[in-house]
Amino acid sequence: MDKAPSTALFEQLRRDARAASEQRVAAASAEALRLRNASDERLAQQRTAQLAARERAHSAALDRARSDARTRTAREWLTARAEALDQVFVAAHETLAARSADPRFVVAVAGIARDALPYLPPGDASARCATSLAPAVRTVLESQAPGRPAVRVIEDDAVATGVVLETADRSLAIDATFARRLARERPRLAIEVAHQLESPAL
């Protein structure tokens, strides 16, 4: 026996409602899956970005550390070179001081005074030198200065490695000391010391 129209209509409505509900559930499930996947993707992107940022920061820190190490090494090498050069000059000055009483040193200083005298203009002049050198310097200057005023020898133990000739008005001074000659050699010696001290690989 056929169902009553109302019953058939109710069942149709129920089927339609069930189908609609299943569609909504399926759509909701699909949307939830999409959102979850999108969330997972965003989290993955965030993790990737964080890892990249950490890597950049780590790399930058390493670069700074390397740069600091290179700067420190270069500074230490330059300091060592300067100290080595200073030691060379200290030793040289000590050698000069030790030989100040050596007759050969006295003769050498007198010869330097003789060679420097022609560079002074005519007129009164003085020569400063250590007390131990004064007699030899005085003898040489007196014999080498005919026709010009005598060069006054001033004993000055501060001038220990040679003689300083000076005009009376102090407009011209000639530093004829071994210390001055040694100072002029400093640039060349600096190069030699630099070659002996191997430069670090930076």
N, C-alpha and C. Protein backbone atom coordinates (compact mmCIF):
# COMPACT_ATOMS: atom_id res chain seq x y z
N MET A 1 0.86 -1.18 0.00
CA MET A 1 0.00 0.00 0.00
C MET A 1 0.89 1.23 0.00
N ASP A 2 0.62 2.15 -0.88
CA ASP A 2 1.43 3.37 -0.99
C ASP A 2 1.35 4.18 0.28
N LYS A 3 2.54 4.83 0.58
CA LYS A 3 2.56 5.68 1.76
C LYS A 3 1.71 6.91 1.52
N ALA A 4 1.27 7.48 2.60
CA ALA A 4 0.47 8.71 2.51
C ALA A 4 1.36 9.82 1.99
N PRO A 5 0.80 10.72 1.25
CA PRO A 5 1.60 11.82 0.69
C PRO A 5 2.41 12.56 1.75
N SER A 6 1.82 12.72 2.91
CA SER A 6 2.51 13.48 3.96
C SER A 6 3.73 12.72 4.45
N THR A 7 3.57 11.40 4.53
CA THR A 7 4.69 10.59 5.00
C THR A 7 5.83 10.60 3.98
N ALA A 8 5.48 10.46 2.71
CA ALA A 8 6.48 10.49 1.66
C ALA A 8 7.21 11.84 1.64
N LEU A 9 6.45 12.90 1.85
CA LEU A 9 7.05 14.24 1.84
C LEU A 9 8.00 14.41 3.02
N PHE A 10 7.60 13.88 4.17
CA PHE A 10 8.44 13.99 5.37
C PHE A 10 9.76 13.25 5.17
N GLU A 11 9.66 12.03 4.62
CA GLU A 11 10.86 11.27 4.38
C GLU A 11 11.78 11.97 3.37
N GLN A 12 11.19 12.58 2.37
CA GLN A 12 12.00 13.30 1.39
C GLN A 12 12.71 14.49 2.05
N LEU A 13 11.96 15.18 2.92
CA LEU A 13 12.55 16.31 3.63
C LEU A 13 13.70 15.85 4.53
N ARG A 14 13.49 14.67 5.16
CA ARG A 14 14.51 14.15 6.05
C ARG A 14 15.77 13.77 5.26
N ARG A 15 15.55 13.13 4.07
CA ARG A 15 16.69 12.79 3.24
C ARG A 15 17.42 14.05 2.76
N ASP A 16 16.62 15.03 2.38
CA ASP A 16 17.25 16.27 1.91
C ASP A 16 18.05 16.93 3.04
N ALA A 17 17.48 16.92 4.23
CA ALA A 17 18.15 17.53 5.37
C ALA A 17 19.44 16.79 5.71
N ARG A 18 19.34 15.40 5.62
CA ARG A 18 20.52 14.61 5.91
C ARG A 18 21.62 14.89 4.86
N ALA A 19 21.22 14.98 3.61
CA ALA A 19 22.18 15.24 2.55
C ALA A 19 22.82 16.62 2.73
N ALA A 20 21.94 17.58 3.07
CA ALA A 20 22.46 18.93 3.29
C ALA A 20 23.42 18.96 4.47
N SER A 21 23.05 18.20 5.52
CA SER A 21 23.89 18.15 6.71
C SER A 21 25.23 17.50 6.38
N GLU A 22 25.20 16.43 5.61
CA GLU A 22 26.44 15.76 5.24
C GLU A 22 27.31 16.67 4.40
N GLN A 23 26.66 17.45 3.51
CA GLN A 23 27.43 18.39 2.69
C GLN A 23 28.09 19.46 3.56
N ARG A 24 27.29 19.94 4.56
CA ARG A 24 27.85 20.97 5.45
C ARG A 24 29.01 20.40 6.27
N VAL A 25 28.80 19.16 6.75
CA VAL A 25 29.88 18.53 7.53
C VAL A 25 31.13 18.35 6.68
N ALA A 26 30.88 17.89 5.42
CA ALA A 26 32.03 17.69 4.53
C ALA A 26 32.72 19.02 4.23
N ALA A 27 31.91 20.06 3.99
CA ALA A 27 32.48 21.38 3.72
C ALA A 27 33.23 21.91 4.93
N ALA A 28 32.62 21.69 6.13
CA ALA A 28 33.27 22.15 7.35
C ALA A 28 34.58 21.39 7.57
N SER A 29 34.56 20.08 7.30
CA SER A 29 35.78 19.29 7.46
C SER A 29 36.86 19.75 6.48
N ALA A 30 36.43 20.01 5.24
CA ALA A 30 37.39 20.49 4.24
C ALA A 30 37.98 21.84 4.64
N GLU A 31 37.13 22.73 5.17
CA GLU A 31 37.60 24.04 5.59
C GLU A 31 38.55 23.92 6.79
N ALA A 32 38.18 23.00 7.71
CA ALA A 32 39.05 22.79 8.87
C ALA A 32 40.40 22.25 8.43
N LEU A 33 40.38 21.33 7.45
CA LEU A 33 41.64 20.79 6.94
C LEU A 33 42.46 21.87 6.26
N ARG A 34 41.76 22.73 5.49
CA ARG A 34 42.45 23.83 4.80
C ARG A 34 43.08 24.77 5.80
N LEU A 35 42.33 25.11 6.85
CA LEU A 35 42.86 26.02 7.87
C LEU A 35 44.03 25.40 8.61
N ARG A 36 43.89 24.09 8.90
CA ARG A 36 44.99 23.43 9.59
C ARG A 36 46.24 23.40 8.72
N ASN A 37 46.05 23.10 7.45
CA ASN A 37 47.20 23.08 6.53
C ASN A 37 47.82 24.46 6.39
N ALA A 38 46.93 25.48 6.31
CA ALA A 38 47.43 26.85 6.21
C ALA A 38 48.20 27.23 7.47
N SER A 39 47.67 26.81 8.62
CA SER A 39 48.34 27.10 9.88
C SER A 39 49.69 26.40 9.94
N ASP A 40 49.70 25.12 9.51
CA ASP A 40 50.97 24.38 9.49
C ASP A 40 51.97 25.06 8.56
N GLU A 41 51.50 25.54 7.42
CA GLU A 41 52.38 26.21 6.47
C GLU A 41 52.95 27.50 7.05
N ARG A 42 52.04 28.27 7.73
CA ARG A 42 52.50 29.50 8.36
C ARG A 42 53.54 29.21 9.44
N LEU A 43 53.27 28.16 10.24
CA LEU A 43 54.23 27.79 11.28
C LEU A 43 55.57 27.38 10.67
N ALA A 44 55.49 26.62 9.57
CA ALA A 44 56.72 26.20 8.89
C ALA A 44 57.48 27.41 8.36
N GLN A 45 56.75 28.37 7.78
CA GLN A 45 57.38 29.58 7.26
C GLN A 45 58.02 30.39 8.40
N GLN A 46 57.28 30.45 9.53
CA GLN A 46 57.82 31.18 10.68
C GLN A 46 59.09 30.51 11.21
N ARG A 47 59.03 29.16 11.28
CA ARG A 47 60.22 28.45 11.74
C ARG A 47 61.39 28.67 10.78
N THR A 48 61.08 28.60 9.47
CA THR A 48 62.13 28.83 8.48
C THR A 48 62.71 30.24 8.61
N ALA A 49 61.83 31.22 8.79
CA ALA A 49 62.28 32.61 8.94
C ALA A 49 63.11 32.78 10.20
N GLN A 50 62.66 32.13 11.30
CA GLN A 50 63.42 32.23 12.55
C GLN A 50 64.80 31.58 12.42
N LEU A 51 64.81 30.39 11.78
CA LEU A 51 66.09 29.72 11.58
C LEU A 51 67.02 30.56 10.70
N ALA A 52 66.44 31.17 9.64
CA ALA A 52 67.25 32.01 8.75
C ALA A 52 67.79 33.22 9.51
N ALA A 53 66.92 33.82 10.36
CA ALA A 53 67.36 34.98 11.14
C ALA A 53 68.47 34.59 12.12
N ARG A 54 68.32 33.42 12.74
CA ARG A 54 69.35 32.95 13.67
C ARG A 54 70.66 32.67 12.92
N GLU A 55 70.51 32.08 11.73
CA GLU A 55 71.70 31.79 10.93
C GLU A 55 72.41 33.07 10.53
N ARG A 56 71.61 34.10 10.13
CA ARG A 56 72.22 35.38 9.76
C ARG A 56 72.92 36.02 10.96
N ALA A 57 72.23 35.96 12.10
CA ALA A 57 72.82 36.55 13.31
C ALA A 57 74.10 35.80 13.69
N HIS A 58 74.04 34.46 13.58
CA HIS A 58 75.24 33.66 13.89
C HIS A 58 76.36 33.97 12.92
N SER A 59 76.02 34.07 11.64
CA SER A 59 77.03 34.38 10.63
C SER A 59 77.63 35.76 10.87
N ALA A 60 76.76 36.73 11.20
CA ALA A 60 77.26 38.09 11.47
C ALA A 60 78.17 38.09 12.70
N ALA A 61 77.80 37.30 13.71
CA ALA A 61 78.63 37.22 14.91
C ALA A 61 79.99 36.61 14.59
N LEU A 62 79.97 35.56 13.73
CA LEU A 62 81.24 34.95 13.32
C LEU A 62 82.10 35.93 12.54
N ASP A 63 81.44 36.69 11.65
CA ASP A 63 82.19 37.68 10.86
C ASP A 63 82.82 38.73 11.77
N ARG A 64 82.05 39.19 12.76
CA ARG A 64 82.58 40.18 13.70
C ARG A 64 83.75 39.58 14.49
N ALA A 65 83.59 38.32 14.90
CA ALA A 65 84.65 37.67 15.67
C ALA A 65 85.92 37.53 14.83
N ARG A 66 85.74 37.14 13.55
CA ARG A 66 86.90 37.02 12.67
C ARG A 66 87.57 38.38 12.45
N SER A 67 86.73 39.41 12.22
CA SER A 67 87.27 40.75 12.01
C SER A 67 88.02 41.23 13.25
N ASP A 68 87.43 41.00 14.42
CA ASP A 68 88.10 41.41 15.66
C ASP A 68 89.42 40.67 15.85
N ALA A 69 89.40 39.37 15.51
CA ALA A 69 90.63 38.58 15.65
C ALA A 69 91.71 39.08 14.70
N ARG A 70 91.32 39.39 13.45
CA ARG A 70 92.30 39.91 12.49
C ARG A 70 92.86 41.25 12.96
N THR A 71 91.97 42.12 13.46
CA THR A 71 92.42 43.43 13.94
C THR A 71 93.36 43.28 15.12
N ARG A 72 92.99 42.37 16.04
CA ARG A 72 93.84 42.15 17.23
C ARG A 72 95.19 41.59 16.83
N THR A 73 95.19 40.63 15.89
CA THR A 73 96.45 40.03 15.45
C THR A 73 97.35 41.07 14.78
N ALA A 74 96.73 41.89 13.91
CA ALA A 74 97.51 42.93 13.23
C ALA A 74 98.08 43.94 14.23
N ARG A 75 97.25 44.31 15.23
CA ARG A 75 97.73 45.26 16.23
C ARG A 75 98.87 44.66 17.05
N GLU A 76 98.74 43.39 17.42
CA GLU A 76 99.80 42.74 18.20
C GLU A 76 101.08 42.63 17.39
N TRP A 77 100.93 42.35 16.08
CA TRP A 77 102.12 42.24 15.24
C TRP A 77 102.81 43.59 15.10
N LEU A 78 102.02 44.64 14.89
CA LEU A 78 102.60 45.98 14.79
C LEU A 78 103.28 46.39 16.09
N THR A 79 102.65 46.04 17.20
CA THR A 79 103.25 46.34 18.50
C THR A 79 104.57 45.60 18.68
N ALA A 80 104.57 44.32 18.29
CA ALA A 80 105.80 43.53 18.39
C ALA A 80 106.90 44.10 17.51
N ARG A 81 106.52 44.56 16.31
CA ARG A 81 107.51 45.14 15.41
C ARG A 81 108.08 46.43 16.00
N ALA A 82 107.20 47.27 16.55
CA ALA A 82 107.66 48.53 17.15
C ALA A 82 108.57 48.25 18.35
N GLU A 83 108.20 47.26 19.17
CA GLU A 83 109.03 46.93 20.33
C GLU A 83 110.39 46.39 19.89
N ALA A 84 110.39 45.56 18.85
CA ALA A 84 111.66 45.03 18.35
C ALA A 84 112.55 46.15 17.84
N LEU A 85 111.95 47.11 17.13
CA LEU A 85 112.73 48.24 16.61
C LEU A 85 113.25 49.09 17.76
N ASP A 86 112.43 49.30 18.77
CA ASP A 86 112.89 50.06 19.94
C ASP A 86 114.06 49.36 20.62
N GLN A 87 113.99 48.03 20.70
CA GLN A 87 115.08 47.28 21.32
C GLN A 87 116.37 47.42 20.52
N VAL A 88 116.24 47.45 19.19
CA VAL A 88 117.41 47.64 18.34
C VAL A 88 118.07 48.98 18.65
N PHE A 89 117.26 50.02 18.78
CA PHE A 89 117.81 51.36 19.03
C PHE A 89 118.35 51.49 20.45
N VAL A 90 117.70 50.85 21.40
CA VAL A 90 118.23 50.87 22.77
C VAL A 90 119.60 50.21 22.79
N ALA A 91 119.72 49.07 22.11
CA ALA A 91 121.01 48.38 22.06
C ALA A 91 122.07 49.23 21.36
N ALA A 92 121.65 49.92 20.28
CA ALA A 92 122.59 50.76 19.54
C ALA A 92 123.08 51.92 20.41
N HIS A 93 122.16 52.56 21.14
CA HIS A 93 122.55 53.67 22.00
C HIS A 93 123.44 53.19 23.14
N GLU A 94 123.14 52.00 23.67
CA GLU A 94 123.98 51.46 24.73
C GLU A 94 125.39 51.18 24.19
N THR A 95 125.46 50.71 22.96
CA THR A 95 126.77 50.45 22.35
C THR A 95 127.55 51.75 22.17
N LEU A 96 126.85 52.80 21.71
CA LEU A 96 127.51 54.09 21.55
C LEU A 96 128.02 54.62 22.88
N ALA A 97 127.17 54.49 23.91
CA ALA A 97 127.58 54.99 25.23
C ALA A 97 128.79 54.21 25.76
N ALA A 98 128.81 52.91 25.50
CA ALA A 98 129.92 52.09 25.98
C ALA A 98 131.23 52.43 25.28
N ARG A 99 131.13 52.95 24.06
CA ARG A 99 132.33 53.26 23.28
C ARG A 99 132.74 54.72 23.35
N SER A 100 132.06 55.50 24.17
CA SER A 100 132.34 56.93 24.19
C SER A 100 133.77 57.25 24.62
N ALA A 101 134.37 56.35 25.40
CA ALA A 101 135.76 56.58 25.84
C ALA A 101 136.77 55.87 24.95
N ASP A 102 136.30 55.15 23.97
CA ASP A 102 137.19 54.42 23.07
C ASP A 102 137.94 55.43 22.19
N PRO A 103 139.28 55.36 22.13
CA PRO A 103 140.04 56.32 21.32
C PRO A 103 139.57 56.36 19.86
N ARG A 104 139.17 55.22 19.33
CA ARG A 104 138.70 55.21 17.95
C ARG A 104 137.40 56.01 17.81
N PHE A 105 136.57 55.95 18.82
CA PHE A 105 135.32 56.72 18.81
C PHE A 105 135.62 58.21 18.87
N VAL A 106 136.58 58.58 19.73
CA VAL A 106 136.97 59.99 19.86
C VAL A 106 137.48 60.52 18.54
N VAL A 107 138.33 59.74 17.87
CA VAL A 107 138.88 60.15 16.57
C VAL A 107 137.75 60.29 15.55
N ALA A 108 136.79 59.35 15.58
CA ALA A 108 135.67 59.40 14.63
C ALA A 108 134.84 60.65 14.83
N VAL A 109 134.56 61.02 16.09
CA VAL A 109 133.77 62.22 16.37
C VAL A 109 134.52 63.47 15.92
N ALA A 110 135.83 63.51 16.17
CA ALA A 110 136.62 64.66 15.72
C ALA A 110 136.57 64.79 14.21
N GLY A 111 136.60 63.66 13.52
CA GLY A 111 136.49 63.69 12.06
C GLY A 111 135.13 64.19 11.60
N ILE A 112 134.08 63.82 12.31
CA ILE A 112 132.74 64.31 11.97
C ILE A 112 132.67 65.82 12.14
N ALA A 113 133.27 66.32 13.24
CA ALA A 113 133.28 67.77 13.48
C ALA A 113 134.03 68.49 12.36
N ARG A 114 135.15 67.94 11.94
CA ARG A 114 135.94 68.53 10.85
C ARG A 114 135.12 68.58 9.56
N ASP A 115 134.42 67.48 9.25
CA ASP A 115 133.65 67.42 8.00
C ASP A 115 132.43 68.35 8.04
N ALA A 116 131.87 68.59 9.24
CA ALA A 116 130.68 69.43 9.34
C ALA A 116 131.00 70.92 9.35
N LEU A 117 132.23 71.29 9.73
CA LEU A 117 132.60 72.70 9.87
C LEU A 117 132.37 73.52 8.60
N PRO A 118 132.71 73.04 7.40
CA PRO A 118 132.52 73.87 6.20
C PRO A 118 131.06 74.26 5.93
N TYR A 119 130.11 73.57 6.55
CA TYR A 119 128.70 73.88 6.31
C TYR A 119 128.23 75.07 7.15
N LEU A 120 129.08 75.52 8.09
CA LEU A 120 128.73 76.70 8.87
C LEU A 120 129.11 77.95 8.09
N PRO A 121 128.29 78.99 8.12
CA PRO A 121 128.66 80.24 7.46
C PRO A 121 129.78 80.94 8.24
N PRO A 122 130.50 81.86 7.62
CA PRO A 122 131.57 82.59 8.33
C PRO A 122 131.00 83.30 9.56
N GLY A 123 131.80 83.40 10.57
CA GLY A 123 131.37 84.10 11.79
C GLY A 123 131.57 83.24 13.01
N ASP A 124 131.23 83.84 14.14
CA ASP A 124 131.38 83.12 15.40
C ASP A 124 130.47 81.90 15.43
N ALA A 125 130.98 80.85 16.06
CA ALA A 125 130.21 79.61 16.16
C ALA A 125 130.67 78.84 17.39
N SER A 126 129.89 77.86 17.74
CA SER A 126 130.25 77.02 18.88
C SER A 126 130.06 75.55 18.50
N ALA A 127 130.72 74.70 19.29
CA ALA A 127 130.59 73.26 19.11
C ALA A 127 130.35 72.64 20.47
N ARG A 128 129.24 71.98 20.61
CA ARG A 128 128.92 71.33 21.88
C ARG A 128 129.21 69.84 21.76
N CYS A 129 129.88 69.31 22.78
CA CYS A 129 130.20 67.88 22.79
C CYS A 129 130.48 67.46 24.23
N ALA A 130 130.59 66.15 24.44
CA ALA A 130 130.85 65.62 25.78
C ALA A 130 132.25 66.03 26.25
N THR A 131 132.42 66.09 27.55
CA THR A 131 133.70 66.49 28.13
C THR A 131 134.84 65.60 27.64
N SER A 132 134.57 64.30 27.52
CA SER A 132 135.62 63.37 27.09
C SER A 132 136.02 63.58 25.64
N LEU A 133 135.17 64.23 24.87
CA LEU A 133 135.45 64.45 23.45
C LEU A 133 136.02 65.85 23.18
N ALA A 134 135.88 66.75 24.15
CA ALA A 134 136.21 68.16 23.92
C ALA A 134 137.66 68.38 23.47
N PRO A 135 138.67 67.78 24.08
CA PRO A 135 140.05 68.06 23.64
C PRO A 135 140.29 67.71 22.17
N ALA A 136 139.82 66.55 21.74
CA ALA A 136 140.04 66.16 20.34
C ALA A 136 139.27 67.05 19.39
N VAL A 137 138.02 67.39 19.75
CA VAL A 137 137.22 68.27 18.89
C VAL A 137 137.86 69.65 18.81
N ARG A 138 138.33 70.15 19.94
CA ARG A 138 138.96 71.49 19.97
C ARG A 138 140.20 71.51 19.07
N THR A 139 141.01 70.48 19.15
CA THR A 139 142.23 70.42 18.34
C THR A 139 141.90 70.41 16.85
N VAL A 140 140.92 69.60 16.47
CA VAL A 140 140.55 69.50 15.05
C VAL A 140 139.98 70.81 14.54
N LEU A 141 139.08 71.44 15.30
CA LEU A 141 138.44 72.66 14.83
C LEU A 141 139.44 73.81 14.75
N GLU A 142 140.39 73.87 15.68
CA GLU A 142 141.39 74.95 15.63
C GLU A 142 142.29 74.80 14.41
N SER A 143 142.57 73.57 14.02
CA SER A 143 143.47 73.36 12.88
C SER A 143 142.75 73.48 11.55
N GLN A 144 141.42 73.37 11.57
CA GLN A 144 140.65 73.39 10.33
C GLN A 144 139.95 74.72 10.09
N ALA A 145 140.17 75.70 10.93
CA ALA A 145 139.43 76.95 10.78
C ALA A 145 140.33 78.16 10.64
N PRO A 146 141.34 78.11 9.77
CA PRO A 146 142.19 79.30 9.59
C PRO A 146 141.40 80.42 8.91
N GLY A 147 141.65 81.63 9.36
CA GLY A 147 141.00 82.78 8.72
C GLY A 147 139.59 83.04 9.21
N ARG A 148 139.09 82.29 10.13
CA ARG A 148 137.76 82.54 10.66
C ARG A 148 137.84 82.56 12.19
N PRO A 149 136.90 83.19 12.85
CA PRO A 149 136.94 83.21 14.31
C PRO A 149 136.98 81.79 14.87
N ALA A 150 137.65 81.66 15.97
CA ALA A 150 137.76 80.34 16.58
C ALA A 150 136.38 79.82 16.97
N VAL A 151 136.19 78.54 16.78
CA VAL A 151 134.94 77.90 17.18
C VAL A 151 135.04 77.54 18.65
N ARG A 152 134.16 78.09 19.42
CA ARG A 152 134.19 77.85 20.87
C ARG A 152 133.62 76.46 21.17
N VAL A 153 134.41 75.65 21.87
CA VAL A 153 133.97 74.31 22.23
C VAL A 153 133.31 74.37 23.61
N ILE A 154 132.07 73.92 23.66
CA ILE A 154 131.30 73.92 24.91
C ILE A 154 131.13 72.48 25.37
N GLU A 155 131.60 72.21 26.55
CA GLU A 155 131.47 70.86 27.09
C GLU A 155 130.04 70.64 27.56
N ASP A 156 129.39 69.65 26.95
CA ASP A 156 127.98 69.36 27.26
C ASP A 156 127.80 67.84 27.20
N ASP A 157 127.75 67.22 28.37
CA ASP A 157 127.67 65.76 28.40
C ASP A 157 126.33 65.22 27.90
N ALA A 158 125.36 66.11 27.65
CA ALA A 158 124.11 65.67 27.05
C ALA A 158 124.31 65.30 25.58
N VAL A 159 125.37 65.87 24.99
CA VAL A 159 125.72 65.54 23.60
C VAL A 159 126.82 64.49 23.68
N ALA A 160 126.42 63.23 23.87
CA ALA A 160 127.39 62.19 24.21
C ALA A 160 127.91 61.42 23.00
N THR A 161 127.25 61.55 21.85
CA THR A 161 127.62 60.67 20.73
C THR A 161 128.15 61.44 19.52
N GLY A 162 128.64 62.65 19.74
CA GLY A 162 129.16 63.42 18.62
C GLY A 162 129.31 64.87 18.98
N VAL A 163 129.00 65.75 18.02
CA VAL A 163 129.16 67.18 18.22
C VAL A 163 128.02 67.92 17.53
N VAL A 164 127.58 69.02 18.13
CA VAL A 164 126.56 69.88 17.53
C VAL A 164 127.20 71.24 17.28
N LEU A 165 127.33 71.61 16.02
CA LEU A 165 127.88 72.91 15.63
C LEU A 165 126.74 73.90 15.47
N GLU A 166 126.98 75.14 15.93
CA GLU A 166 125.89 76.11 15.92
C GLU A 166 126.46 77.52 15.74
N THR A 167 125.78 78.32 14.92
CA THR A 167 126.19 79.72 14.76
C THR A 167 125.90 80.48 16.05
N ALA A 168 126.59 81.61 16.22
CA ALA A 168 126.45 82.36 17.47
C ALA A 168 125.02 82.84 17.67
N ASP A 169 124.33 83.19 16.57
CA ASP A 169 122.95 83.66 16.72
C ASP A 169 121.93 82.51 16.72
N ARG A 170 122.44 81.29 16.67
CA ARG A 170 121.60 80.09 16.71
C ARG A 170 120.63 79.98 15.52
N SER A 171 120.98 80.65 14.44
CA SER A 171 120.13 80.56 13.25
C SER A 171 120.36 79.26 12.50
N LEU A 172 121.49 78.63 12.75
CA LEU A 172 121.80 77.37 12.09
C LEU A 172 122.50 76.44 13.07
N ALA A 173 122.04 75.21 13.14
CA ALA A 173 122.66 74.19 13.98
C ALA A 173 122.84 72.93 13.14
N ILE A 174 124.00 72.32 13.27
CA ILE A 174 124.31 71.08 12.55
C ILE A 174 124.49 69.98 13.59
N ASP A 175 123.58 69.04 13.57
CA ASP A 175 123.63 67.93 14.52
C ASP A 175 124.50 66.83 13.90
N ALA A 176 125.76 66.81 14.28
CA ALA A 176 126.71 65.83 13.73
C ALA A 176 126.99 64.77 14.78
N THR A 177 125.94 64.11 15.24
CA THR A 177 126.08 63.07 16.25
C THR A 177 125.71 61.72 15.65
N PHE A 178 126.27 60.68 16.25
CA PHE A 178 125.90 59.33 15.82
C PHE A 178 124.44 59.04 16.15
N ALA A 179 123.93 59.65 17.22
CA ALA A 179 122.52 59.45 17.57
C ALA A 179 121.62 59.97 16.45
N ARG A 180 122.00 61.12 15.88
CA ARG A 180 121.21 61.69 14.78
C ARG A 180 121.31 60.79 13.55
N ARG A 181 122.49 60.31 13.26
CA ARG A 181 122.64 59.40 12.12
C ARG A 181 121.81 58.14 12.32
N LEU A 182 121.82 57.65 13.54
CA LEU A 182 121.04 56.45 13.85
C LEU A 182 119.55 56.72 13.66
N ALA A 183 119.09 57.90 14.08
CA ALA A 183 117.68 58.25 13.92
C ALA A 183 117.29 58.29 12.45
N ARG A 184 118.21 58.77 11.59
CA ARG A 184 117.92 58.80 10.15
C ARG A 184 117.81 57.39 9.56
N GLU A 185 118.43 56.43 10.24
CA GLU A 185 118.39 55.06 9.76
C GLU A 185 117.11 54.32 10.19
N ARG A 186 116.32 54.95 11.05
CA ARG A 186 115.15 54.25 11.61
C ARG A 186 114.18 53.73 10.53
N PRO A 187 113.82 54.52 9.51
CA PRO A 187 112.89 53.98 8.49
C PRO A 187 113.43 52.73 7.80
N ARG A 188 114.74 52.76 7.47
CA ARG A 188 115.32 51.58 6.81
C ARG A 188 115.35 50.38 7.75
N LEU A 189 115.72 50.63 9.01
CA LEU A 189 115.75 49.55 9.97
C LEU A 189 114.35 49.00 10.24
N ALA A 190 113.36 49.89 10.19
CA ALA A 190 111.97 49.44 10.40
C ALA A 190 111.58 48.43 9.33
N ILE A 191 112.01 48.69 8.09
CA ILE A 191 111.71 47.76 6.99
C ILE A 191 112.42 46.43 7.22
N GLU A 192 113.67 46.48 7.65
CA GLU A 192 114.43 45.25 7.90
C GLU A 192 113.79 44.44 9.03
N VAL A 193 113.38 45.12 10.08
CA VAL A 193 112.73 44.42 11.20
C VAL A 193 111.42 43.81 10.74
N ALA A 194 110.67 44.54 9.91
CA ALA A 194 109.40 44.01 9.41
C ALA A 194 109.61 42.76 8.58
N HIS A 195 110.70 42.72 7.81
CA HIS A 195 111.00 41.53 7.01
C HIS A 195 111.40 40.35 7.90
N GLN A 196 112.10 40.64 8.98
CA GLN A 196 112.52 39.57 9.89
C GLN A 196 111.35 39.02 10.69
N LEU A 197 110.39 39.89 11.01
CA LEU A 197 109.19 39.44 11.72
C LEU A 197 108.12 39.13 10.68
N GLU A 198 107.90 37.85 10.46
CA GLU A 198 106.95 37.46 9.40
C GLU A 198 105.56 37.98 9.72
N SER A 199 104.96 38.65 8.76
CA SER A 199 103.62 39.20 8.95
C SER A 199 102.61 38.05 9.04
N PRO A 200 101.69 38.11 10.02
CA PRO A 200 100.71 37.02 10.16
C PRO A 200 99.73 37.03 9.01
N ALA A 201 99.23 35.85 8.65
CA ALA A 201 98.19 35.74 7.62
C ALA A 201 96.88 36.20 8.22
N LEU A 202 96.29 37.24 7.60
CA LEU A 202 95.03 37.80 8.14
C LEU A 202 93.85 37.34 7.29
